[in-house]
Amino acid sequence: MIIVDKALDRRASDGNPIKVGLVGAGYMGRGMSRQIIEAIAGMDVVAIANRTTKTALSVFAASGVEDEVVEASTQDEVDSALAAGRRVVTTDPMYLCRTPKIEAILEATGEVEYGARTAEAAIGAGKHIVLVNAEVDATVGPILKVMADAAGVVISNADGDEPGVAMNLVRFVRSIGYKPVLAGNVKGFYDPHRNPDTQKGFAEAHGQRTKMITSFADGTKLSMEASVLANSTGFSVPKRGMNGFKSGHVKDALDLYDLDALLESPIVDFLLGAEPGSGAFVIGFDDDVSRRAYMDYFKMGEGPFHVFYRPFHLTHLEAPFTVARAVLFGDAATAPVGAPIVEVVTYAKRDLIAGEELDGIGGFTCYGMVDNIGAAREDNALAMGLTDGAVMKRDVAADTVITVDDVDLPQGRVVDRLREAQAQHFGA
């Protein structure tokens, strides 16, 4: 990251690295922790909160710093250990949010309720928070941004995830005087009826949670990330679930869209199966004849529309720099620009019966599809981020929208309280 690397070098030279608290020691948390501890000067993971301390300890052990670690079960123990220059593992992320010895929280659980609780606490304690958790951002990101602004801290989704990569491109395209009219990513596979049984083998082979891998395959994660990007750009989606045009290469995107329509109403979308197979892309517009000649010379096409893309995304390597952007420059990779633009609505993955409990994102019972907020509200659709633990009040057929009236939600959840605050704040 240009500029960020030099600023981190200064923190390292001053002997004052950015002190990060990591929440979630799973697949992505492990990768990010090792990257920060072993490769990034001027930043350090000083504490990890995880449901099991054994897993958190193994993350520190992988970087060879296990001798420095204290297991803590109270706020005083956390504060004292960090003050003494030790690292900490604990089961309660609230301790990391509250301690004055940590500057930023990196939330990497992928869980909505757990992540929402952590985000609210971090903001309340005056901590910057970076979400490697599109699920939280898509569900309550707009109100968390309002709260972060009021507290004078940054909330951001992570660079390296597709929304962050796409948003970097959007900002680049704007900065060179072009108008972004479409932002999106590339998806290699999409089947909304995939479930933990069908994805178990792939998940185990790659050391990931089965529900997380299922959410990739059934399109829910895609919709969550599209929601994050739409809410950060102010762009809508073309229809429920997006277009998802099949394409041989991302550069062929110009042949797939009504480009004049994009000028009037920019969108977020994805391409299915397009090479180079990862990363993100943006279509930008500029009708200046002289600049178009330069673009043609540099093999970007005749214009006035051009495709800008990056053919990779490396979350575990790039997310730490989002922390640096927040702490050192007060900058977010992606953050909602205001009221929700879109919503991820819930569909039944199979026939559901009254009394059945939904198992949430990446489960057997439901999947999510992104839609514009007006259409979602017209259907009174249940937000996908609220599905875990909801109980069906009536039967719903497969591939049918599940509405708010179709379910009883669990009581006492932070995410429901934040959703209510979000609706009230934005006049929904």
Protein backbone atom coordinates (compact mmCIF):
# COMPACT_ATOMS: atom_id res chain seq x y z
CA MET A 1 0.00 0.00 0.00
CA ILE A 2 1.63 3.22 -1.16
CA ILE A 3 1.95 5.86 1.62
CA VAL A 4 0.57 3.43 4.22
CA ASP A 5 3.79 1.41 4.18
CA LYS A 6 5.90 4.48 4.92
CA ALA A 7 3.56 5.57 7.71
CA LEU A 8 3.83 2.10 9.24
CA ASP A 9 7.60 2.28 8.97
CA ARG A 10 7.50 5.46 11.04
CA ARG A 11 5.41 3.73 13.71
CA ALA A 12 7.97 0.93 13.74
CA SER A 13 10.90 3.35 13.99
CA ASP A 14 9.18 5.12 16.87
CA GLY A 15 8.77 1.80 18.69
CA ASN A 16 5.03 2.38 18.71
CA PRO A 17 3.35 -0.20 16.48
CA ILE A 18 -0.43 -0.08 15.96
CA LYS A 19 -1.83 -2.47 18.54
CA VAL A 20 -4.57 -4.64 17.09
CA GLY A 21 -7.12 -6.83 18.80
CA LEU A 22 -8.28 -9.75 16.64
CA VAL A 23 -11.75 -11.19 17.17
CA GLY A 24 -12.10 -14.62 15.57
CA ALA A 25 -9.25 -17.10 15.22
CA GLY A 26 -10.66 -19.02 12.27
CA TYR A 27 -9.26 -19.48 8.79
CA MET A 28 -9.02 -15.80 7.89
CA GLY A 29 -8.11 -14.67 11.39
CA ARG A 30 -5.16 -17.06 11.46
CA GLY A 31 -3.88 -15.78 8.14
CA MET A 32 -4.20 -12.12 9.09
CA SER A 33 -2.56 -12.60 12.49
CA ARG A 34 0.48 -14.31 11.03
CA GLN A 35 0.77 -11.65 8.35
CA ILE A 36 0.69 -8.80 10.87
CA ILE A 37 3.06 -10.38 13.38
CA GLU A 38 5.57 -11.76 10.90
CA ALA A 39 5.51 -9.40 7.93
CA ILE A 40 4.11 -5.96 8.71
CA ALA A 41 6.36 -3.45 10.44
CA GLY A 42 4.59 -0.90 12.61
CA MET A 43 1.64 -3.13 13.54
CA ASP A 44 1.14 -5.98 15.98
CA VAL A 45 -1.63 -8.33 17.09
CA VAL A 46 -1.50 -8.07 20.86
CA ALA A 47 -4.73 -9.88 21.76
CA ILE A 48 -7.06 -12.47 20.28
CA ALA A 49 -10.61 -13.16 21.40
CA ASN A 50 -12.09 -16.47 20.37
CA ARG A 51 -14.76 -18.80 21.71
CA THR A 52 -12.00 -21.26 22.61
CA THR A 53 -8.67 -20.00 23.94
CA LYS A 54 -6.95 -23.17 22.69
CA THR A 55 -7.55 -22.06 19.09
CA ALA A 56 -6.40 -18.51 19.85
CA LEU A 57 -3.24 -19.86 21.48
CA SER A 58 -2.51 -21.92 18.39
CA VAL A 59 -2.64 -18.78 16.26
CA PHE A 60 0.04 -17.10 18.35
CA ALA A 61 2.03 -20.36 18.44
CA ALA A 62 2.07 -20.45 14.64
CA SER A 63 4.02 -17.18 14.73
CA GLY A 64 6.39 -18.39 17.43
CA VAL A 65 5.24 -15.96 20.15
CA GLU A 66 3.41 -18.39 22.44
CA ASP A 67 5.82 -17.72 25.33
CA GLU A 68 4.55 -14.13 25.51
CA VAL A 69 0.87 -15.06 25.86
CA VAL A 70 -1.38 -14.77 28.90
CA GLU A 71 -4.81 -16.38 29.13
CA ALA A 72 -7.10 -13.75 30.65
CA SER A 73 -10.65 -14.03 31.95
CA THR A 74 -11.23 -10.53 33.37
CA GLN A 75 -10.76 -6.96 32.16
CA ASP A 76 -8.07 -6.32 34.76
CA GLU A 77 -6.13 -9.38 33.62
CA VAL A 78 -6.28 -8.22 30.01
CA ASP A 79 -5.24 -4.66 30.86
CA SER A 80 -2.41 -5.76 33.17
CA ALA A 81 -0.98 -8.26 30.71
CA LEU A 82 -1.00 -5.77 27.83
CA ALA A 83 0.53 -3.07 30.04
CA ALA A 84 3.34 -5.49 30.85
CA GLY A 85 4.03 -6.07 27.18
CA ARG A 86 2.49 -9.52 27.06
CA ARG A 87 -0.02 -10.83 24.50
CA VAL A 88 -3.47 -11.97 25.53
CA VAL A 89 -6.01 -14.61 24.59
CA THR A 90 -9.52 -14.51 25.99
CA THR A 91 -13.01 -15.75 25.21
CA ASP A 92 -14.69 -12.35 25.56
CA PRO A 93 -14.18 -9.75 22.79
CA MET A 94 -15.58 -7.05 25.06
CA TYR A 95 -12.29 -7.01 26.96
CA LEU A 96 -10.45 -6.17 23.74
CA CYS A 97 -12.93 -3.44 22.91
CA ARG A 98 -12.62 -1.80 26.33
CA THR A 99 -8.91 -1.94 27.01
CA PRO A 100 -6.99 1.30 26.41
CA LYS A 101 -4.02 -0.76 25.20
CA ILE A 102 -5.61 -1.56 21.81
CA GLU A 103 -6.18 0.96 19.01
CA ALA A 104 -8.24 -1.05 16.55
CA ILE A 105 -10.36 -4.17 16.40
CA LEU A 106 -10.17 -6.59 13.47
CA GLU A 107 -13.44 -8.57 13.47
CA ALA A 108 -13.16 -11.80 11.49
CA THR A 109 -15.86 -14.15 12.75
CA GLY A 110 -18.31 -13.99 9.82
CA GLU A 111 -21.10 -14.21 12.42
CA VAL A 112 -23.84 -11.58 12.40
CA GLU A 113 -24.90 -11.38 16.06
CA TYR A 114 -21.41 -11.90 17.45
CA GLY A 115 -19.91 -9.41 15.00
CA ALA A 116 -22.62 -6.80 15.56
CA ARG A 117 -22.10 -6.99 19.31
CA THR A 118 -18.36 -6.56 18.90
CA ALA A 119 -18.70 -3.69 16.42
CA GLU A 120 -21.10 -1.78 18.67
CA ALA A 121 -18.82 -2.25 21.69
CA ALA A 122 -15.69 -1.22 19.81
CA ILE A 123 -17.31 1.95 18.53
CA GLY A 124 -18.70 2.72 21.97
CA ALA A 125 -15.20 2.41 23.41
CA GLY A 126 -13.71 4.72 20.78
CA LYS A 127 -11.97 2.02 18.78
CA HIS A 128 -11.62 1.85 15.01
CA ILE A 129 -13.11 -1.38 13.69
CA VAL A 130 -12.35 -3.27 10.49
CA LEU A 131 -14.89 -5.90 9.49
CA VAL A 132 -13.78 -9.01 7.67
CA ASN A 133 -17.48 -9.69 7.99
CA ALA A 134 -19.67 -8.65 5.07
CA GLU A 135 -22.60 -10.27 6.83
CA VAL A 136 -22.62 -7.67 9.61
CA ASP A 137 -21.96 -4.80 7.22
CA ALA A 138 -24.80 -5.84 4.89
CA THR A 139 -27.24 -6.16 7.80
CA VAL A 140 -26.51 -3.18 10.06
CA GLY A 141 -23.59 -1.37 8.40
CA PRO A 142 -25.42 1.92 7.81
CA ILE A 143 -26.34 2.44 11.46
CA LEU A 144 -22.90 1.34 12.63
CA LYS A 145 -21.42 3.98 10.32
CA VAL A 146 -23.68 6.61 11.89
CA MET A 147 -22.50 5.51 15.34
CA ALA A 148 -18.84 5.48 14.27
CA ASP A 149 -19.08 8.99 12.85
CA ALA A 150 -20.61 10.23 16.10
CA ALA A 151 -17.80 8.58 18.07
CA GLY A 152 -15.08 9.95 15.79
CA VAL A 153 -13.81 6.54 14.73
CA VAL A 154 -13.61 4.61 11.46
CA ILE A 155 -15.65 1.55 10.58
CA SER A 156 -14.62 -0.18 7.39
CA ASN A 157 -15.05 -3.42 5.56
CA ALA A 158 -11.71 -4.97 4.76
CA ASP A 159 -9.55 -4.30 1.77
CA GLY A 160 -8.69 -7.57 0.06
CA ASP A 161 -12.28 -8.74 0.18
CA GLU A 162 -14.04 -8.10 -3.12
CA PRO A 163 -16.01 -5.01 -1.98
CA GLY A 164 -12.81 -3.36 -0.77
CA VAL A 165 -10.94 -4.19 -3.98
CA ALA A 166 -13.84 -2.89 -6.06
CA MET A 167 -14.12 0.27 -3.96
CA ASN A 168 -10.41 0.98 -4.41
CA LEU A 169 -10.99 0.76 -8.16
CA VAL A 170 -14.03 3.04 -7.92
CA ARG A 171 -11.96 5.63 -6.09
CA PHE A 172 -9.13 5.29 -8.60
CA VAL A 173 -11.48 5.70 -11.56
CA ARG A 174 -13.03 8.80 -9.99
CA SER A 175 -9.62 10.23 -9.16
CA ILE A 176 -8.49 10.11 -12.82
CA GLY A 177 -11.59 12.00 -13.94
CA TYR A 178 -13.75 9.10 -15.11
CA LYS A 179 -17.28 8.30 -14.01
CA PRO A 180 -17.76 4.81 -12.55
CA VAL A 181 -21.00 3.34 -13.90
CA LEU A 182 -20.67 -0.29 -12.78
CA ALA A 183 -18.71 -1.99 -10.01
CA GLY A 184 -18.60 -5.68 -9.33
CA ASN A 185 -16.69 -8.92 -9.13
CA VAL A 186 -16.35 -12.30 -10.78
CA LYS A 187 -18.00 -15.45 -9.51
CA GLY A 188 -16.83 -18.88 -10.63
CA PHE A 189 -19.76 -20.97 -9.38
CA TYR A 190 -23.30 -20.30 -8.20
CA ASP A 191 -25.99 -22.76 -7.08
CA PRO A 192 -28.50 -21.49 -4.48
CA HIS A 193 -29.37 -25.04 -3.41
CA ARG A 194 -25.91 -26.00 -2.22
CA ASN A 195 -25.83 -26.96 1.46
CA PRO A 196 -23.35 -28.07 4.15
CA ASP A 197 -23.55 -31.68 2.98
CA THR A 198 -22.58 -30.85 -0.60
CA GLN A 199 -19.76 -28.49 0.49
CA LYS A 200 -18.33 -30.51 3.37
CA GLY A 201 -15.49 -32.09 1.40
CA PHE A 202 -14.27 -28.81 -0.09
CA ALA A 203 -14.44 -27.08 3.30
CA GLU A 204 -12.45 -29.81 5.04
CA ALA A 205 -9.84 -29.85 2.28
CA HIS A 206 -9.21 -26.15 2.77
CA GLY A 207 -9.54 -25.99 6.56
CA GLN A 208 -12.63 -23.78 6.49
CA ARG A 209 -16.02 -23.88 8.17
CA THR A 210 -18.61 -25.74 6.13
CA LYS A 211 -21.30 -23.07 6.54
CA MET A 212 -18.92 -20.39 5.31
CA ILE A 213 -18.06 -22.39 2.19
CA THR A 214 -21.76 -23.08 1.64
CA SER A 215 -22.50 -19.36 1.75
CA PHE A 216 -19.98 -18.87 -1.07
CA ALA A 217 -21.52 -21.59 -3.22
CA ASP A 218 -25.19 -20.70 -2.70
CA GLY A 219 -24.66 -17.03 -3.56
CA THR A 220 -25.47 -15.60 -0.13
CA LYS A 221 -21.93 -14.31 0.42
CA LEU A 222 -21.96 -12.84 -3.07
CA SER A 223 -25.14 -10.94 -2.22
CA MET A 224 -23.74 -9.79 1.12
CA GLU A 225 -20.63 -8.43 -0.59
CA ALA A 226 -22.73 -6.78 -3.31
CA SER A 227 -24.74 -5.12 -0.56
CA VAL A 228 -21.59 -3.76 1.06
CA LEU A 229 -20.41 -2.38 -2.28
CA ALA A 230 -23.79 -0.91 -3.22
CA ASN A 231 -24.18 0.81 0.13
CA SER A 232 -20.64 2.19 -0.18
CA THR A 233 -21.05 3.54 -3.72
CA GLY A 234 -24.71 4.52 -3.70
CA PHE A 235 -25.23 2.27 -6.74
CA SER A 236 -28.32 0.06 -7.04
CA VAL A 237 -28.52 -3.51 -8.34
CA PRO A 238 -30.12 -4.22 -11.73
CA LYS A 239 -32.64 -6.70 -10.31
CA ARG A 240 -33.09 -9.14 -7.44
CA GLY A 241 -30.04 -11.41 -7.44
CA MET A 242 -28.27 -9.22 -10.04
CA ASN A 243 -27.66 -10.19 -13.67
CA GLY A 244 -24.70 -12.49 -13.27
CA PHE A 245 -23.99 -12.59 -16.98
CA LYS A 246 -21.76 -15.41 -18.19
CA SER A 247 -18.62 -14.05 -19.80
CA GLY A 248 -15.36 -15.34 -21.20
CA HIS A 249 -13.29 -12.45 -19.83
CA VAL A 250 -14.00 -9.48 -17.62
CA LYS A 251 -12.98 -7.15 -20.48
CA ASP A 252 -16.03 -8.41 -22.41
CA ALA A 253 -18.32 -6.65 -19.92
CA LEU A 254 -18.79 -3.74 -22.33
CA ASP A 255 -20.68 -6.07 -24.69
CA LEU A 256 -23.10 -7.26 -22.00
CA TYR A 257 -24.73 -4.04 -20.81
CA ASP A 258 -26.81 -1.16 -22.06
CA LEU A 259 -24.03 1.34 -21.42
CA ASP A 260 -26.21 4.42 -21.84
CA ALA A 261 -28.53 3.04 -19.17
CA LEU A 262 -25.56 2.64 -16.84
CA LEU A 263 -24.74 6.31 -17.32
CA GLU A 264 -28.16 7.19 -15.96
CA SER A 265 -28.23 4.57 -13.17
CA PRO A 266 -24.90 3.03 -12.11
CA ILE A 267 -25.13 -0.50 -10.74
CA VAL A 268 -23.38 -3.23 -8.81
CA ASP A 269 -23.28 -6.62 -10.56
CA PHE A 270 -21.18 -9.74 -11.05
CA LEU A 271 -19.94 -11.81 -13.96
CA LEU A 272 -20.11 -15.60 -13.91
CA GLY A 273 -17.11 -17.61 -15.06
CA ALA A 274 -15.15 -14.69 -16.49
CA GLU A 275 -11.38 -14.77 -16.65
CA PRO A 276 -9.14 -13.89 -14.90
CA GLY A 277 -11.45 -15.51 -12.36
CA SER A 278 -11.02 -13.37 -9.25
CA GLY A 279 -10.74 -9.80 -8.04
CA ALA A 280 -13.03 -6.98 -9.08
CA PHE A 281 -13.82 -4.70 -11.99
CA VAL A 282 -15.25 -1.25 -12.70
CA ILE A 283 -16.63 0.23 -15.89
CA GLY A 284 -15.69 3.90 -16.18
CA PHE A 285 -16.89 6.56 -18.63
CA ASP A 286 -15.17 9.55 -20.15
CA ASP A 287 -16.11 11.19 -23.46
CA ASP A 288 -13.14 13.57 -23.75
CA VAL A 289 -11.76 12.85 -27.24
CA SER A 290 -8.13 13.58 -26.44
CA ARG A 291 -8.11 11.39 -23.35
CA ARG A 292 -9.82 8.61 -25.28
CA ALA A 293 -6.94 8.64 -27.75
CA TYR A 294 -4.48 8.06 -24.93
CA MET A 295 -6.58 5.19 -23.59
CA ASP A 296 -6.66 3.57 -27.01
CA TYR A 297 -2.87 3.93 -27.24
CA PHE A 298 -2.51 2.15 -23.89
CA LYS A 299 -4.75 -0.65 -25.14
CA MET A 300 -7.69 0.23 -22.90
CA GLY A 301 -10.07 0.45 -25.87
CA GLU A 302 -11.52 3.25 -27.94
CA GLY A 303 -13.96 4.36 -25.25
CA PRO A 304 -15.86 6.24 -24.08
CA PHE A 305 -16.41 3.27 -21.71
CA HIS A 306 -13.43 1.37 -20.33
CA VAL A 307 -13.05 -1.67 -18.07
CA PHE A 308 -10.67 -1.36 -15.14
CA TYR A 309 -10.00 -4.53 -13.21
CA ARG A 310 -7.70 -6.20 -10.74
CA PRO A 311 -7.31 -9.95 -11.21
CA PHE A 312 -6.83 -11.01 -7.57
CA HIS A 313 -7.96 -10.36 -4.02
CA LEU A 314 -5.85 -11.40 -1.03
CA THR A 315 -7.85 -10.76 2.10
CA HIS A 316 -5.39 -12.09 4.65
CA LEU A 317 -2.59 -9.95 3.19
CA GLU A 318 -4.54 -6.77 2.55
CA ALA A 319 -6.99 -6.46 5.44
CA PRO A 320 -4.23 -5.34 7.85
CA PHE A 321 -3.64 -2.29 5.69
CA THR A 322 -7.28 -1.33 6.23
CA VAL A 323 -6.44 -1.12 9.92
CA ALA A 324 -3.54 1.17 9.08
CA ARG A 325 -5.72 3.37 6.86
CA ALA A 326 -8.21 3.75 9.69
CA VAL A 327 -5.72 4.42 12.49
CA LEU A 328 -3.20 6.55 10.60
CA PHE A 329 -5.39 8.42 8.12
CA GLY A 330 -8.99 8.13 9.31
CA ASP A 331 -9.82 6.45 5.99
CA ALA A 332 -12.19 3.56 5.29
CA ALA A 333 -11.80 1.08 2.46
CA THR A 334 -15.57 0.72 2.24
CA ALA A 335 -18.27 2.25 4.40
CA PRO A 336 -21.96 3.04 3.79
CA VAL A 337 -22.62 6.47 2.31
CA GLY A 338 -25.98 6.86 4.06
CA ALA A 339 -29.28 5.02 4.18
CA PRO A 340 -29.34 1.42 2.91
CA ILE A 341 -29.44 1.22 -0.88
CA VAL A 342 -30.01 -2.52 -1.03
CA GLU A 343 -31.01 -5.43 1.19
CA VAL A 344 -30.17 -9.15 1.15
CA VAL A 345 -33.57 -10.85 1.19
CA THR A 346 -34.20 -14.40 2.36
CA TYR A 347 -35.39 -17.29 0.20
CA ALA A 348 -36.35 -20.78 1.30
CA LYS A 349 -33.73 -23.26 0.12
CA ARG A 350 -36.29 -26.08 0.33
CA ASP A 351 -39.90 -26.46 1.45
CA LEU A 352 -40.11 -25.20 5.03
CA ILE A 353 -42.79 -26.04 7.57
CA ALA A 354 -44.25 -24.18 10.52
CA GLY A 355 -42.20 -24.69 13.66
CA GLU A 356 -38.93 -25.26 11.79
CA GLU A 357 -35.93 -23.24 12.90
CA LEU A 358 -33.82 -21.50 10.27
CA ASP A 359 -30.10 -22.24 10.45
CA GLY A 360 -28.92 -18.96 8.97
CA ILE A 361 -26.25 -18.08 6.46
CA GLY A 362 -24.67 -21.08 4.76
CA GLY A 363 -27.14 -23.58 6.15
CA PHE A 364 -29.70 -26.06 4.89
CA THR A 365 -32.82 -23.91 5.10
CA CYS A 366 -32.35 -20.59 3.30
CA TYR A 367 -30.23 -18.47 0.99
CA GLY A 368 -29.93 -14.75 0.32
CA MET A 369 -30.39 -12.61 -2.78
CA VAL A 370 -29.55 -8.91 -2.94
CA ASP A 371 -32.25 -6.50 -4.07
CA ASN A 372 -32.92 -2.78 -4.05
CA ILE A 373 -34.28 -1.62 -0.74
CA GLY A 374 -37.64 -0.48 -2.12
CA ALA A 375 -38.43 -3.87 -3.64
CA ALA A 376 -37.29 -5.68 -0.50
CA ARG A 377 -39.55 -3.55 1.67
CA GLU A 378 -42.46 -3.94 -0.71
CA ASP A 379 -42.24 -7.70 -0.16
CA ASN A 380 -41.70 -7.22 3.60
CA ALA A 381 -38.77 -9.58 3.06
CA LEU A 382 -36.81 -10.94 5.99
CA ALA A 383 -33.20 -9.75 5.94
CA MET A 384 -30.87 -12.71 5.51
CA GLY A 385 -28.68 -11.50 8.34
CA LEU A 386 -31.54 -12.04 10.81
CA THR A 387 -32.30 -15.65 9.91
CA ASP A 388 -30.17 -17.59 12.37
CA GLY A 389 -32.52 -19.03 15.01
CA ALA A 390 -35.70 -17.61 13.50
CA VAL A 391 -38.65 -20.01 13.76
CA MET A 392 -41.16 -20.46 10.94
CA LYS A 393 -44.73 -19.48 11.83
CA ARG A 394 -46.16 -20.95 8.63
CA ASP A 395 -45.17 -23.16 5.72
CA VAL A 396 -43.14 -21.57 2.90
CA ALA A 397 -42.39 -23.27 -0.40
CA ALA A 398 -38.89 -23.69 -1.78
CA ASP A 399 -37.45 -20.69 -3.68
CA THR A 400 -40.06 -18.39 -2.17
CA VAL A 401 -39.31 -15.19 -0.26
CA ILE A 402 -39.51 -15.53 3.50
CA THR A 403 -41.16 -12.44 4.96
CA VAL A 404 -40.89 -10.82 8.35
CA ASP A 405 -44.42 -12.06 9.10
CA ASP A 406 -43.42 -15.66 8.36
CA VAL A 407 -41.09 -15.97 11.36
CA ASP A 408 -40.63 -15.40 15.06
CA LEU A 409 -37.21 -13.93 15.75
CA PRO A 410 -35.06 -14.79 18.79
CA GLN A 411 -35.37 -12.36 21.67
CA GLY A 412 -32.72 -10.02 23.03
CA ARG A 413 -30.37 -9.87 20.07
CA VAL A 414 -28.10 -6.90 19.47
CA VAL A 415 -28.59 -7.14 15.70
CA ASP A 416 -32.37 -6.69 15.99
CA ARG A 417 -31.93 -3.64 18.22
CA LEU A 418 -29.49 -2.16 15.70
CA ARG A 419 -31.89 -2.90 12.85
CA GLU A 420 -34.63 -1.03 14.67
CA ALA A 421 -32.29 1.90 15.28
CA GLN A 422 -31.30 1.85 11.62
CA ALA A 423 -34.92 1.96 10.49
CA GLN A 424 -35.72 4.82 12.85
CA HIS A 425 -32.63 6.83 11.92
CA PHE A 426 -33.20 6.61 8.18
CA GLY A 427 -36.97 6.88 8.34
CA ALA A 428 -37.68 3.42 6.94
